[in-house]
PDB file of N, CA and C in Angstrom:
ATOM      1  N   MET A   1     -21.592 -20.222 173.740  1.00  0.00           N
ATOM      2  CA  MET A   1     -22.955 -19.759 172.884  1.00  0.00           C
ATOM      3  C   MET A   1     -22.463 -18.355 173.280  1.00  0.00           C
ATOM      4  N   LYS A   2     -22.248 -17.582 172.200  1.00  0.00           N
ATOM      5  CA  LYS A   2     -22.606 -15.990 171.604  1.00  0.00           C
ATOM      6  C   LYS A   2     -23.297 -15.689 172.533  1.00  0.00           C
ATOM      7  N   THR A   3     -22.680 -14.024 172.947  1.00  0.00           N
ATOM      8  CA  THR A   3     -23.397 -13.069 173.525  1.00  0.00           C
ATOM      9  C   THR A   3     -24.107 -12.544 172.157  1.00  0.00           C
ATOM     10  N   LEU A   4     -25.294 -11.756 172.570  1.00  0.00           N
ATOM     11  CA  LEU A   4     -25.812 -10.736 171.306  1.00  0.00           C
ATOM     12  C   LEU A   4     -24.796  -9.447 171.292  1.00  0.00           C
ATOM     13  N   GLU A   5     -24.009  -9.071 172.080  1.00  0.00           N
ATOM     14  CA  GLU A   5     -22.859  -8.499 171.684  1.00  0.00           C
ATOM     15  C   GLU A   5     -21.544  -8.622 170.329  1.00  0.00           C
ATOM     16  N   GLN A   6     -21.634 -10.444 170.940  1.00  0.00           N
ATOM     17  CA  GLN A   6     -20.931 -10.984 170.040  1.00  0.00           C
ATOM     18  C   GLN A   6     -21.101 -10.596 168.779  1.00  0.00           C
ATOM     19  N   LYS A   7     -22.679 -11.558 168.668  1.00  0.00           N
ATOM     20  CA  LYS A   7     -23.131 -11.630 166.952  1.00  0.00           C
ATOM     21  C   LYS A   7     -23.142 -10.242 166.418  1.00  0.00           C
ATOM     22  N   ALA A   8     -23.237  -8.844 167.290  1.00  0.00           N
ATOM     23  CA  ALA A   8     -23.522  -7.725 166.922  1.00  0.00           C
ATOM     24  C   ALA A   8     -21.722  -7.091 166.293  1.00  0.00           C
ATOM     25  N   ILE A   9     -20.990  -7.730 167.130  1.00  0.00           N
ATOM     26  CA  ILE A   9     -20.029  -7.405 166.352  1.00  0.00           C
ATOM     27  C   ILE A   9     -19.444  -8.607 165.400  1.00  0.00           C
ATOM     28  N   GLU A  10     -19.888  -9.480 165.284  1.00  0.00           N
ATOM     29  CA  GLU A  10     -19.238 -10.276 164.079  1.00  0.00           C
ATOM     30  C   GLU A  10     -20.170  -9.926 162.642  1.00  0.00           C
ATOM     31  N   ILE A  11     -21.341  -9.548 163.006  1.00  0.00           N
ATOM     32  CA  ILE A  11     -21.957  -8.800 161.735  1.00  0.00           C
ATOM     33  C   ILE A  11     -21.269  -7.779 161.364  1.00  0.00           C
ATOM     34  N   ALA A  12     -20.817  -6.490 162.522  1.00  0.00           N
ATOM     35  CA  ALA A  12     -20.370  -5.677 162.123  1.00  0.00           C
ATOM     36  C   ALA A  12     -18.944  -5.846 161.279  1.00  0.00           C
ATOM     37  N   LYS A  13     -17.955  -7.055 161.533  1.00  0.00           N
ATOM     38  CA  LYS A  13     -16.830  -7.460 160.905  1.00  0.00           C
ATOM     39  C   LYS A  13     -17.227  -7.553 159.316  1.00  0.00           C
ATOM     40  N   LEU A  14     -18.461  -8.878 159.056  1.00  0.00           N
ATOM     41  CA  LEU A  14     -18.657  -9.208 158.148  1.00  0.00           C
ATOM     42  C   LEU A  14     -18.786  -7.966 157.106  1.00  0.00           C
ATOM     43  N   MET A  15     -19.786  -6.657 157.684  1.00  0.00           N
ATOM     44  CA  MET A  15     -20.084  -6.049 156.504  1.00  0.00           C
ATOM     45  C   MET A  15     -18.724  -5.355 155.844  1.00  0.00           C
ATOM     46  N   GLU A  16     -17.739  -5.029 157.457  1.00  0.00           N
ATOM     47  CA  GLU A  16     -16.774  -4.887 156.875  1.00  0.00           C
ATOM     48  C   GLU A  16     -15.333  -5.370 155.992  1.00  0.00           C
ATOM     49  N   ASP A  17     -16.039  -6.512 156.107  1.00  0.00           N
ATOM     50  CA  ASP A  17     -14.987  -7.763 155.166  1.00  0.00           C
ATOM     51  C   ASP A  17     -15.718  -7.348 153.563  1.00  0.00           C
ATOM     52  N   GLY A  18     -17.170  -7.199 153.660  1.00  0.00           N
ATOM     53  CA  GLY A  18     -17.647  -7.242 152.193  1.00  0.00           C
ATOM     54  C   GLY A  18     -17.892  -5.888 151.867  1.00  0.00           C
ATOM     55  N   LYS A  19     -16.644  -5.262 152.091  1.00  0.00           N
ATOM     56  CA  LYS A  19     -16.306  -3.790 151.674  1.00  0.00           C
ATOM     57  C   LYS A  19     -17.569  -2.647 151.768  1.00  0.00           C
ATOM     58  N   GLY A  20     -18.220  -3.029 153.029  1.00  0.00           N
ATOM     59  CA  GLY A  20     -18.843  -2.061 153.559  1.00  0.00           C
ATOM     60  C   GLY A  20     -17.855  -0.751 154.056  1.00  0.00           C
ATOM     61  N   LYS A  21     -18.346   0.442 153.937  1.00  0.00           N
ATOM     62  CA  LYS A  21     -17.710   1.583 154.249  1.00  0.00           C
ATOM     63  C   LYS A  21     -18.168   2.419 155.547  1.00  0.00           C
ATOM     64  N   ASP A  22     -17.299   2.654 156.310  1.00  0.00           N
ATOM     65  CA  ASP A  22     -17.656   3.460 157.223  1.00  0.00           C
ATOM     66  C   ASP A  22     -18.387   2.794 158.347  1.00  0.00           C
ATOM     67  N   VAL A  23     -18.511   1.500 159.028  1.00  0.00           N
ATOM     68  CA  VAL A  23     -18.772   0.757 159.600  1.00  0.00           C
ATOM     69  C   VAL A  23     -18.992   0.945 160.813  1.00  0.00           C
ATOM     70  N   LYS A  24     -20.255   1.248 161.402  1.00  0.00           N
ATOM     71  CA  LYS A  24     -20.390   1.714 162.859  1.00  0.00           C
ATOM     72  C   LYS A  24     -21.181   0.999 163.817  1.00  0.00           C
ATOM     73  N   LEU A  25     -21.087   0.431 164.682  1.00  0.00           N
ATOM     74  CA  LEU A  25     -21.842  -0.664 165.768  1.00  0.00           C
ATOM     75  C   LEU A  25     -21.909   0.376 167.267  1.00  0.00           C
ATOM     76  N   ILE A  26     -23.236   0.939 167.385  1.00  0.00           N
ATOM     77  CA  ILE A  26     -23.772   1.168 168.622  1.00  0.00           C
ATOM     78  C   ILE A  26     -24.628   0.618 169.023  1.00  0.00           C
ATOM     79  N   ASN A  27     -24.188   0.449 170.624  1.00  0.00           N
ATOM     80  CA  ASN A  27     -25.403  -0.174 171.683  1.00  0.00           C
ATOM     81  C   ASN A  27     -26.075   1.089 171.895  1.00  0.00           C
ATOM     82  N   ILE A  28     -27.129   0.656 171.782  1.00  0.00           N
ATOM     83  CA  ILE A  28     -28.385   1.667 172.153  1.00  0.00           C
ATOM     84  C   ILE A  28     -28.903   1.044 173.212  1.00  0.00           C
ATOM     85  N   ARG A  29     -28.690  -0.284 173.441  1.00  0.00           N
ATOM     86  CA  ARG A  29     -29.950  -0.754 174.691  1.00  0.00           C
ATOM     87  C   ARG A  29     -30.488   0.554 175.604  1.00  0.00           C
ATOM     88  N   GLU A  30     -29.847   1.456 176.327  1.00  0.00           N
ATOM     89  CA  GLU A  30     -30.245   2.175 177.267  1.00  0.00           C
ATOM     90  C   GLU A  30     -31.229   2.985 176.611  1.00  0.00           C
ATOM     91  N   LEU A  31     -30.911   3.232 175.531  1.00  0.00           N
ATOM     92  CA  LEU A  31     -31.838   4.587 174.699  1.00  0.00           C
ATOM     93  C   LEU A  31     -33.520   3.858 174.552  1.00  0.00           C
ATOM     94  N   ASN A  32     -33.531   2.752 174.104  1.00  0.00           N
ATOM     95  CA  ASN A  32     -34.885   2.514 173.818  1.00  0.00           C
ATOM     96  C   ASN A  32     -35.371   1.331 174.247  1.00  0.00           C
ATOM     97  N   SER A  33     -36.552   0.537 173.647  1.00  0.00           N
ATOM     98  CA  SER A  33     -37.026  -0.791 174.656  1.00  0.00           C
ATOM     99  C   SER A  33     -37.183  -2.039 173.205  1.00  0.00           C
ATOM    100  N   TRP A  34     -36.743  -1.219 172.006  1.00  0.00           N
ATOM    101  CA  TRP A  34     -37.130  -2.152 170.709  1.00  0.00           C
ATOM    102  C   TRP A  34     -35.756  -2.878 169.870  1.00  0.00           C
ATOM    103  N   ALA A  35     -34.541  -2.297 170.350  1.00  0.00           N
ATOM    104  CA  ALA A  35     -33.426  -2.836 169.948  1.00  0.00           C
ATOM    105  C   ALA A  35     -31.982  -2.497 170.657  1.00  0.00           C
ATOM    106  N   ASP A  36     -31.034  -3.447 170.750  1.00  0.00           N
ATOM    107  CA  ASP A  36     -30.001  -3.408 171.218  1.00  0.00           C
ATOM    108  C   ASP A  36     -28.980  -2.640 171.083  1.00  0.00           C
ATOM    109  N   TYR A  37     -28.489  -2.954 169.301  1.00  0.00           N
ATOM    110  CA  TYR A  37     -27.725  -2.390 168.666  1.00  0.00           C
ATOM    111  C   TYR A  37     -28.044  -2.058 167.227  1.00  0.00           C
ATOM    112  N   PHE A  38     -27.273  -1.158 166.656  1.00  0.00           N
ATOM    113  CA  PHE A  38     -27.883  -0.748 165.375  1.00  0.00           C
ATOM    114  C   PHE A  38     -26.249  -1.042 164.812  1.00  0.00           C
ATOM    115  N   ILE A  39     -26.246  -1.450 163.666  1.00  0.00           N
ATOM    116  CA  ILE A  39     -25.095  -1.249 162.714  1.00  0.00           C
ATOM    117  C   ILE A  39     -25.463  -0.550 161.517  1.00  0.00           C
ATOM    118  N   ILE A  40     -24.505   0.303 160.971  1.00  0.00           N
ATOM    119  CA  ILE A  40     -24.821   1.504 159.868  1.00  0.00           C
ATOM    120  C   ILE A  40     -23.476   1.018 158.798  1.00  0.00           C
ATOM    121  N   VAL A  41     -23.595   1.176 158.003  1.00  0.00           N
ATOM    122  CA  VAL A  41     -22.879   0.512 156.444  1.00  0.00           C
ATOM    123  C   VAL A  41     -23.388   1.663 155.402  1.00  0.00           C
ATOM    124  N   THR A  42     -22.069   1.922 155.326  1.00  0.00           N
ATOM    125  CA  THR A  42     -22.125   2.649 153.691  1.00  0.00           C
ATOM    126  C   THR A  42     -22.049   1.858 152.618  1.00  0.00           C
ATOM    127  N   VAL A  43     -23.019   1.236 151.901  1.00  0.00           N
ATOM    128  CA  VAL A  43     -22.631   0.643 150.439  1.00  0.00           C
ATOM    129  C   VAL A  43     -22.517   1.623 149.191  1.00  0.00           C
ATOM    130  N   THR A  44     -21.997   0.887 148.053  1.00  0.00           N
ATOM    131  CA  THR A  44     -22.194   1.986 147.089  1.00  0.00           C
ATOM    132  C   THR A  44     -22.702   1.378 145.855  1.00  0.00           C
ATOM    133  N   SER A  45     -23.506   0.367 145.944  1.00  0.00           N
ATOM    134  CA  SER A  45     -24.668   0.537 144.544  1.00  0.00           C
ATOM    135  C   SER A  45     -25.981  -0.486 145.252  1.00  0.00           C
ATOM    136  N   SER A  46     -27.052  -1.087 144.580  1.00  0.00           N
ATOM    137  CA  SER A  46     -27.632  -1.857 144.647  1.00  0.00           C
ATOM    138  C   SER A  46     -27.324  -2.915 144.639  1.00  0.00           C
ATOM    139  N   THR A  47     -26.234  -3.408 143.911  1.00  0.00           N
ATOM    140  CA  THR A  47     -25.610  -4.712 144.060  1.00  0.00           C
ATOM    141  C   THR A  47     -24.814  -4.841 145.180  1.00  0.00           C
ATOM    142  N   HIS A  48     -23.994  -3.723 145.632  1.00  0.00           N
ATOM    143  CA  HIS A  48     -23.360  -4.319 146.682  1.00  0.00           C
ATOM    144  C   HIS A  48     -24.407  -4.407 148.350  1.00  0.00           C
ATOM    145  N   TRP A  49     -25.628  -3.282 148.144  1.00  0.00           N
ATOM    146  CA  TRP A  49     -25.931  -3.818 149.427  1.00  0.00           C
ATOM    147  C   TRP A  49     -26.761  -4.998 149.429  1.00  0.00           C
ATOM    148  N   GLN A  50     -27.441  -5.871 148.226  1.00  0.00           N
ATOM    149  CA  GLN A  50     -27.827  -7.115 148.079  1.00  0.00           C
ATOM    150  C   GLN A  50     -27.077  -7.836 147.832  1.00  0.00           C
ATOM    151  N   GLY A  51     -25.315  -8.008 147.882  1.00  0.00           N
ATOM    152  CA  GLY A  51     -24.371  -9.073 148.449  1.00  0.00           C
ATOM    153  C   GLY A  51     -24.499  -9.219 150.022  1.00  0.00           C
ATOM    154  N   LEU A  52     -24.360  -7.613 150.579  1.00  0.00           N
ATOM    155  CA  LEU A  52     -23.894  -7.545 151.703  1.00  0.00           C
ATOM    156  C   LEU A  52     -25.169  -8.343 152.501  1.00  0.00           C
ATOM    157  N   ALA A  53     -27.000  -7.915 152.128  1.00  0.00           N
ATOM    158  CA  ALA A  53     -27.712  -8.354 152.757  1.00  0.00           C
ATOM    159  C   ALA A  53     -27.734 -10.240 152.606  1.00  0.00           C
ATOM    160  N   LYS A  54     -27.190 -10.538 151.455  1.00  0.00           N
ATOM    161  CA  LYS A  54     -26.907 -12.299 151.616  1.00  0.00           C
ATOM    162  C   LYS A  54     -26.136 -12.606 152.229  1.00  0.00           C
ATOM    163  N   GLN A  55     -25.263 -11.584 152.829  1.00  0.00           N
ATOM    164  CA  GLN A  55     -24.244 -12.350 153.678  1.00  0.00           C
ATOM    165  C   GLN A  55     -24.761 -12.414 154.837  1.00  0.00           C
ATOM    166  N   ILE A  56     -25.310 -11.387 155.762  1.00  0.00           N
ATOM    167  CA  ILE A  56     -26.204 -11.011 156.636  1.00  0.00           C
ATOM    168  C   ILE A  56     -27.251 -12.356 156.760  1.00  0.00           C
ATOM    169  N   LYS A  57     -27.998 -12.471 156.032  1.00  0.00           N
ATOM    170  CA  LYS A  57     -29.080 -13.578 155.730  1.00  0.00           C
ATOM    171  C   LYS A  57     -28.455 -15.473 156.404  1.00  0.00           C
ATOM    172  N   GLU A  58     -26.951 -15.391 155.515  1.00  0.00           N
ATOM    173  CA  GLU A  58     -26.158 -16.491 155.622  1.00  0.00           C
ATOM    174  C   GLU A  58     -25.734 -16.686 156.935  1.00  0.00           C
ATOM    175  N   TYR A  59     -25.414 -15.818 157.796  1.00  0.00           N
ATOM    176  CA  TYR A  59     -24.753 -15.224 159.381  1.00  0.00           C
ATOM    177  C   TYR A  59     -26.078 -15.545 160.060  1.00  0.00           C
ATOM    178  N   ILE A  60     -27.250 -14.988 159.577  1.00  0.00           N
ATOM    179  CA  ILE A  60     -28.220 -15.331 160.537  1.00  0.00           C
ATOM    180  C   ILE A  60     -28.952 -16.696 160.646  1.00  0.00           C
ATOM    181  N   LYS A  61     -29.122 -17.460 159.427  1.00  0.00           N
ATOM    182  CA  LYS A  61     -29.271 -18.912 159.211  1.00  0.00           C
ATOM    183  C   LYS A  61     -28.192 -19.782 160.373  1.00  0.00           C
ATOM    184  N   ASP A  62     -27.252 -19.017 160.419  1.00  0.00           N
ATOM    185  CA  ASP A  62     -26.075 -20.351 160.873  1.00  0.00           C
ATOM    186  C   ASP A  62     -26.005 -19.587 162.567  1.00  0.00           C
ATOM    187  N   ASN A  63     -26.642 -18.854 162.710  1.00  0.00           N
ATOM    188  CA  ASN A  63     -26.527 -18.027 164.416  1.00  0.00           C
ATOM    189  C   ASN A  63     -27.680 -17.646 165.031  1.00  0.00           C
ATOM    190  N   ASP A  64     -29.106 -18.642 164.638  1.00  0.00           N
ATOM    191  CA  ASP A  64     -29.537 -18.622 165.825  1.00  0.00           C
ATOM    192  C   ASP A  64     -30.449 -17.570 166.021  1.00  0.00           C
ATOM    193  N   LEU A  65     -30.598 -16.336 164.821  1.00  0.00           N
ATOM    194  CA  LEU A  65     -30.953 -16.076 164.819  1.00  0.00           C
ATOM    195  C   LEU A  65     -32.264 -15.373 163.677  1.00  0.00           C
ATOM    196  N   GLU A  66     -33.468 -14.453 163.404  1.00  0.00           N
ATOM    197  CA  GLU A  66     -34.276 -14.313 162.411  1.00  0.00           C
ATOM    198  C   GLU A  66     -34.258 -13.143 162.279  1.00  0.00           C
ATOM    199  N   ILE A  67     -34.713 -12.980 161.079  1.00  0.00           N
ATOM    200  CA  ILE A  67     -35.020 -11.392 160.261  1.00  0.00           C
ATOM    201  C   ILE A  67     -36.774 -11.242 160.512  1.00  0.00           C
ATOM    202  N   HIS A  68     -36.625  -9.900 161.373  1.00  0.00           N
ATOM    203  CA  HIS A  68     -38.042  -9.813 161.714  1.00  0.00           C
ATOM    204  C   HIS A  68     -38.742  -8.714 160.326  1.00  0.00           C
ATOM    205  N   LEU A  69     -37.735  -8.134 160.052  1.00  0.00           N
ATOM    206  CA  LEU A  69     -38.434  -6.884 158.719  1.00  0.00           C
ATOM    207  C   LEU A  69     -37.535  -7.121 157.982  1.00  0.00           C
ATOM    208  N   THR A  70     -37.569  -6.377 156.061  1.00  0.00           N
ATOM    209  CA  THR A  70     -36.333  -5.629 156.168  1.00  0.00           C
ATOM    210  C   THR A  70     -37.422  -4.712 155.392  1.00  0.00           C
ATOM    211  N   ASN A  71     -36.912  -3.439 155.224  1.00  0.00           N
ATOM    212  CA  ASN A  71     -37.377  -2.344 154.849  1.00  0.00           C
ATOM    213  C   ASN A  71     -36.623  -1.661 153.655  1.00  0.00           C
ATOM    214  N   LYS A  72     -37.065  -1.007 152.742  1.00  0.00           N
ATOM    215  CA  LYS A  72     -36.444  -0.124 152.155  1.00  0.00           C
ATOM    216  C   LYS A  72     -36.935   1.506 151.783  1.00  0.00           C
ATOM    217  N   LYS A  73     -36.248   2.559 152.135  1.00  0.00           N
ATOM    218  CA  LYS A  73     -36.758   3.995 152.355  1.00  0.00           C
ATOM    219  C   LYS A  73     -36.794   4.141 151.075  1.00  0.00           C
ATOM    220  N   SER A  74     -36.816   4.322 149.733  1.00  0.00           N
ATOM    221  CA  SER A  74     -36.840   4.540 148.585  1.00  0.00           C
ATOM    222  C   SER A  74     -37.862   3.584 147.974  1.00  0.00           C
ATOM    223  N   PRO A  75     -38.516   3.535 146.739  1.00  0.00           N
ATOM    224  CA  PRO A  75     -38.919   2.899 145.906  1.00  0.00           C
ATOM    225  C   PRO A  75     -37.881   2.240 145.174  1.00  0.00           C
ATOM    226  N   ASP A  76     -36.768   2.480 144.470  1.00  0.00           N
ATOM    227  CA  ASP A  76     -35.721   1.813 144.097  1.00  0.00           C
ATOM    228  C   ASP A  76     -35.042   0.711 145.107  1.00  0.00           C
ATOM    229  N   GLY A  77     -34.901   1.430 146.144  1.00  0.00           N
ATOM    230  CA  GLY A  77     -34.350   0.157 147.319  1.00  0.00           C
ATOM    231  C   GLY A  77     -32.931   0.447 147.315  1.00  0.00           C
ATOM    232  N   ASP A  78     -32.190   1.612 147.008  1.00  0.00           N
ATOM    233  CA  ASP A  78     -31.058   1.910 146.455  1.00  0.00           C
ATOM    234  C   ASP A  78     -30.272   3.266 147.788  1.00  0.00           C
ATOM    235  N   ASP A  79     -31.548   3.554 148.551  1.00  0.00           N
ATOM    236  CA  ASP A  79     -30.780   4.399 149.450  1.00  0.00           C
ATOM    237  C   ASP A  79     -30.505   4.420 151.024  1.00  0.00           C
ATOM    238  N   TRP A  80     -32.116   3.498 151.074  1.00  0.00           N
ATOM    239  CA  TRP A  80     -31.560   2.801 152.645  1.00  0.00           C
ATOM    240  C   TRP A  80     -32.333   1.373 152.850  1.00  0.00           C
ATOM    241  N   ASN A  81     -31.931   0.541 153.069  1.00  0.00           N
ATOM    242  CA  ASN A  81     -32.116  -0.688 153.201  1.00  0.00           C
ATOM    243  C   ASN A  81     -31.979  -1.217 154.563  1.00  0.00           C
ATOM    244  N   LEU A  82     -32.909  -1.273 155.933  1.00  0.00           N
ATOM    245  CA  LEU A  82     -33.095  -2.423 156.854  1.00  0.00           C
ATOM    246  C   LEU A  82     -33.168  -3.370 156.938  1.00  0.00           C
ATOM    247  N   ILE A  83     -32.781  -3.914 157.571  1.00  0.00           N
ATOM    248  CA  ILE A  83     -32.848  -5.430 158.454  1.00  0.00           C
ATOM    249  C   ILE A  83     -33.025  -5.406 159.542  1.00  0.00           C
ATOM    250  N   ASP A  84     -33.880  -6.188 160.102  1.00  0.00           N
ATOM    251  CA  ASP A  84     -34.504  -6.183 161.748  1.00  0.00           C
ATOM    252  C   ASP A  84     -34.016  -7.331 162.118  1.00  0.00           C
ATOM    253  N   ILE A  85     -33.457  -7.659 162.857  1.00  0.00           N
ATOM    254  CA  ILE A  85     -32.788  -8.841 163.187  1.00  0.00           C
ATOM    255  C   ILE A  85     -33.409  -8.662 164.739  1.00  0.00           C
ATOM    256  N   GLY A  86     -34.328  -8.163 165.343  1.00  0.00           N
ATOM    257  CA  GLY A  86     -34.637  -7.966 166.626  1.00  0.00           C
ATOM    258  C   GLY A  86     -34.272  -7.351 167.326  1.00  0.00           C
ATOM    259  N   PRO A  87     -33.080  -7.754 168.090  1.00  0.00           N
ATOM    260  CA  PRO A  87     -32.582  -6.786 168.874  1.00  0.00           C
ATOM    261  C   PRO A  87     -31.417  -5.988 167.920  1.00  0.00           C
ATOM    262  N   ILE A  88     -30.903  -6.684 167.116  1.00  0.00           N
ATOM    263  CA  ILE A  88     -29.986  -6.137 166.335  1.00  0.00           C
ATOM    264  C   ILE A  88     -30.536  -5.440 164.972  1.00  0.00           C
ATOM    265  N   VAL A  89     -30.335  -4.289 164.551  1.00  0.00           N
ATOM    266  CA  VAL A  89     -30.839  -3.926 163.029  1.00  0.00           C
ATOM    267  C   VAL A  89     -29.622  -2.950 162.765  1.00  0.00           C
ATOM    268  N   VAL A  90     -29.677  -3.573 161.584  1.00  0.00           N
ATOM    269  CA  VAL A  90     -28.559  -2.853 160.274  1.00  0.00           C
ATOM    270  C   VAL A  90     -29.202  -2.436 159.250  1.00  0.00           C
ATOM    271  N   HIS A  91     -28.880  -0.603 159.051  1.00  0.00           N
ATOM    272  CA  HIS A  91     -28.998  -0.046 158.092  1.00  0.00           C
ATOM    273  C   HIS A  91     -28.023  -0.263 157.077  1.00  0.00           C
ATOM    274  N   LEU A  92     -28.488  -0.179 155.879  1.00  0.00           N
ATOM    275  CA  LEU A  92     -27.374  -0.392 154.622  1.00  0.00           C
ATOM    276  C   LEU A  92     -27.920   0.726 153.586  1.00  0.00           C
ATOM    277  N   MET A  93     -26.896   2.069 153.766  1.00  0.00           N
ATOM    278  CA  MET A  93     -27.321   3.477 152.747  1.00  0.00           C
ATOM    279  C   MET A  93     -26.150   3.680 152.042  1.00  0.00           C
ATOM    280  N   SER A  94     -27.172   4.544 151.116  1.00  0.00           N
ATOM    281  CA  SER A  94     -25.761   5.314 150.459  1.00  0.00           C
ATOM    282  C   SER A  94     -25.295   6.273 151.310  1.00  0.00           C
ATOM    283  N   ASP A  95     -24.437   7.340 150.711  1.00  0.00           N
ATOM    284  CA  ASP A  95     -23.591   8.424 151.163  1.00  0.00           C
ATOM    285  C   ASP A  95     -24.500   9.176 150.831  1.00  0.00           C
ATOM    286  N   ALA A  96     -25.097   9.729 150.019  1.00  0.00           N
ATOM    287  CA  ALA A  96     -26.080  10.324 150.313  1.00  0.00           C
ATOM    288  C   ALA A  96     -27.452  10.211 151.414  1.00  0.00           C
ATOM    289  N   ALA A  97     -28.065   9.087 151.766  1.00  0.00           N
ATOM    290  CA  ALA A  97     -28.919   9.200 152.395  1.00  0.00           C
ATOM    291  C   ALA A  97     -28.312   8.967 153.683  1.00  0.00           C
ATOM    292  N   ARG A  98     -27.113   8.595 154.089  1.00  0.00           N
ATOM    293  CA  ARG A  98     -26.252   8.149 155.133  1.00  0.00           C
ATOM    294  C   ARG A  98     -25.982  10.181 156.113  1.00  0.00           C
ATOM    295  N   GLU A  99     -25.561  10.982 154.940  1.00  0.00           N
ATOM    296  CA  GLU A  99     -25.720  12.076 155.038  1.00  0.00           C
ATOM    297  C   GLU A  99     -26.734  12.735 155.734  1.00  0.00           C
ATOM    298  N   PHE A 100     -27.746  12.297 155.112  1.00  0.00           N
ATOM    299  CA  PHE A 100     -29.324  13.074 155.039  1.00  0.00           C
ATOM    300  C   PHE A 100     -29.775  13.044 156.532  1.00  0.00           C
ATOM    301  N   TYR A 101     -29.597  11.475 156.672  1.00  0.00           N
ATOM    302  CA  TYR A 101     -30.224  10.693 157.925  1.00  0.00           C
ATOM    303  C   TYR A 101     -29.444  10.921 159.345  1.00  0.00           C
ATOM    304  N   ASP A 102     -27.999  11.282 158.834  1.00  0.00           N
ATOM    305  CA  ASP A 102     -27.070  11.074 160.206  1.00  0.00           C
ATOM    306  C   ASP A 102     -27.477  10.052 161.165  1.00  0.00           C
ATOM    307  N   LEU A 103     -27.501   9.019 161.301  1.00  0.00           N
ATOM    308  CA  LEU A 103     -28.336   8.023 162.450  1.00  0.00           C
ATOM    309  C   LEU A 103     -27.028   8.164 163.290  1.00  0.00           C
ATOM    310  N   GLU A 104     -26.033   8.207 163.201  1.00  0.00           N
ATOM    311  CA  GLU A 104     -24.709   8.657 164.253  1.00  0.00           C
ATOM    312  C   GLU A 104     -24.901   9.724 165.401  1.00  0.00           C
ATOM    313  N   LYS A 105     -25.453  10.864 164.627  1.00  0.00           N
ATOM    314  CA  LYS A 105     -25.505  12.391 165.510  1.00  0.00           C
ATOM    315  C   LYS A 105     -26.763  11.654 166.175  1.00  0.00           C
ATOM    316  N   LEU A 106     -28.067  11.033 165.930  1.00  0.00           N
ATOM    317  CA  LEU A 106     -29.146  11.253 166.306  1.00  0.00           C
ATOM    318  C   LEU A 106     -29.301  10.305 167.282  1.00  0.00           C
ATOM    319  N   TRP A 107     -28.573   9.291 167.048  1.00  0.00           N
ATOM    320  CA  TRP A 107     -28.414   8.006 168.503  1.00  0.00           C
ATOM    321  C   TRP A 107     -26.977   7.784 169.435  1.00  0.00           C
ATOM    322  N   HIS A 108     -26.608   9.684 169.033  1.00  0.00           N
ATOM    323  CA  HIS A 108     -25.138   9.828 169.486  1.00  0.00           C
ATOM    324  C   HIS A 108     -24.913   9.276 170.999  1.00  0.00           C
ATOM    325  N   ALA A 109     -26.064   9.607 171.950  1.00  0.00           N
ATOM    326  CA  ALA A 109     -26.076   9.362 173.180  1.00  0.00           C
ATOM    327  C   ALA A 109     -25.698   7.606 173.528  1.00  0.00           C
ATOM    328  N   GLY A 110     -25.562   6.428 172.324  1.00  0.00           N
ATOM    329  CA  GLY A 110     -25.224   5.583 172.331  1.00  0.00           C
ATOM    330  C   GLY A 110     -24.151   5.387 172.643  1.00  0.00           C
ATOM    331  N   THR A 111     -23.472   4.386 173.093  1.00  0.00           N
ATOM    332  CA  THR A 111     -22.274   3.483 172.723  1.00  0.00           C
ATOM    333  C   THR A 111     -21.629   3.241 171.761  1.00  0.00           C
ATOM    334  N   PHE A 112     -20.980   3.677 170.925  1.00  0.00           N
ATOM    335  CA  PHE A 112     -19.969   3.594 169.690  1.00  0.00           C
ATOM    336  C   PHE A 112     -19.099   2.165 170.033  1.00  0.00           C
ATOM    337  N   ILE A 113     -19.180   1.332 169.772  1.00  0.00           N
ATOM    338  CA  ILE A 113     -17.939   0.022 169.874  1.00  0.00           C
ATOM    339  C   ILE A 113     -16.856  -0.264 168.504  1.00  0.00           C
ATOM    340  N   ASP A 114     -15.915  -0.162 169.238  1.00  0.00           N
ATOM    341  CA  ASP A 114     -14.763  -0.503 168.127  1.00  0.00           C
ATOM    342  C   ASP A 114     -14.786  -2.098 167.818  1.00  0.00           C
ATOM    343  N   PHE A 115     -15.512  -2.274 167.218  1.00  0.00           N
ATOM    344  CA  PHE A 115     -15.418  -4.047 166.865  1.00  0.00           C
ATOM    345  C   PHE A 115     -13.871  -4.614 166.547  1.00  0.00           C
ATOM    346  N   ASN A 116     -13.168  -3.493 166.032  1.00  0.00           N
ATOM    347  CA  ASN A 116     -11.930  -4.144 165.209  1.00  0.00           C
ATOM    348  C   ASN A 116     -11.331  -4.339 166.449  1.00  0.00           C
ATOM    349  N   GLU A 117     -11.367  -3.419 167.879  1.00  0.00           N
ATOM    350  CA  GLU A 117     -10.383  -3.898 168.991  1.00  0.00           C
ATOM    351  C   GLU A 117     -11.248  -5.123 169.947  1.00  0.00           C
ATOM    352  N   SER A 118     -12.670  -5.705 169.694  1.00  0.00           N
ATOM    353  CA  SER A 118     -12.878  -6.694 170.700  1.00  0.00           C
ATOM    354  C   SER A 118     -12.748  -7.542 170.154  1.00  0.00           C
ATOM    355  N   GLN A 119     -12.767  -8.760 171.717  1.00  0.00           N
ATOM    356  CA  GLN A 119     -12.417  -9.693 171.869  1.00  0.00           C
ATOM    357  C   GLN A 119     -13.702 -10.898 170.508  1.00  0.00           C
ATOM    358  N   GLU A 120     -12.792 -11.497 169.837  1.00  0.00           N
ATOM    359  CA  GLU A 120     -13.396 -12.769 169.084  1.00  0.00           C
ATOM    360  C   GLU A 120     -14.348 -13.456 169.813  1.00  0.00           C
TER     361      GLU A 120
END
């Protein structure tokens, strides 16, 4: 059975394989009580985020996870789309939104995981 971290790593790799830019995986378990991992991804268009969201939904269905919430930060949905998988939260963000909100700096006390170096 896969650990939660293994699942987070697999989702991060899935985002990278789907051409998500500058994918970051952060362990935030020690910093709050509502999530264990953030995955932050820059997307290039609404079509791109929709494709990545579809891949996430397929992964969730196959790996005993469930979506708790999806949310769009802007009315047209192109800036910041959040997929809450309970302990894993995926942020699909435009370049502008990612620069403005700077989640990596906000959650700098978390542990950044090099998922390309992690075990399968």
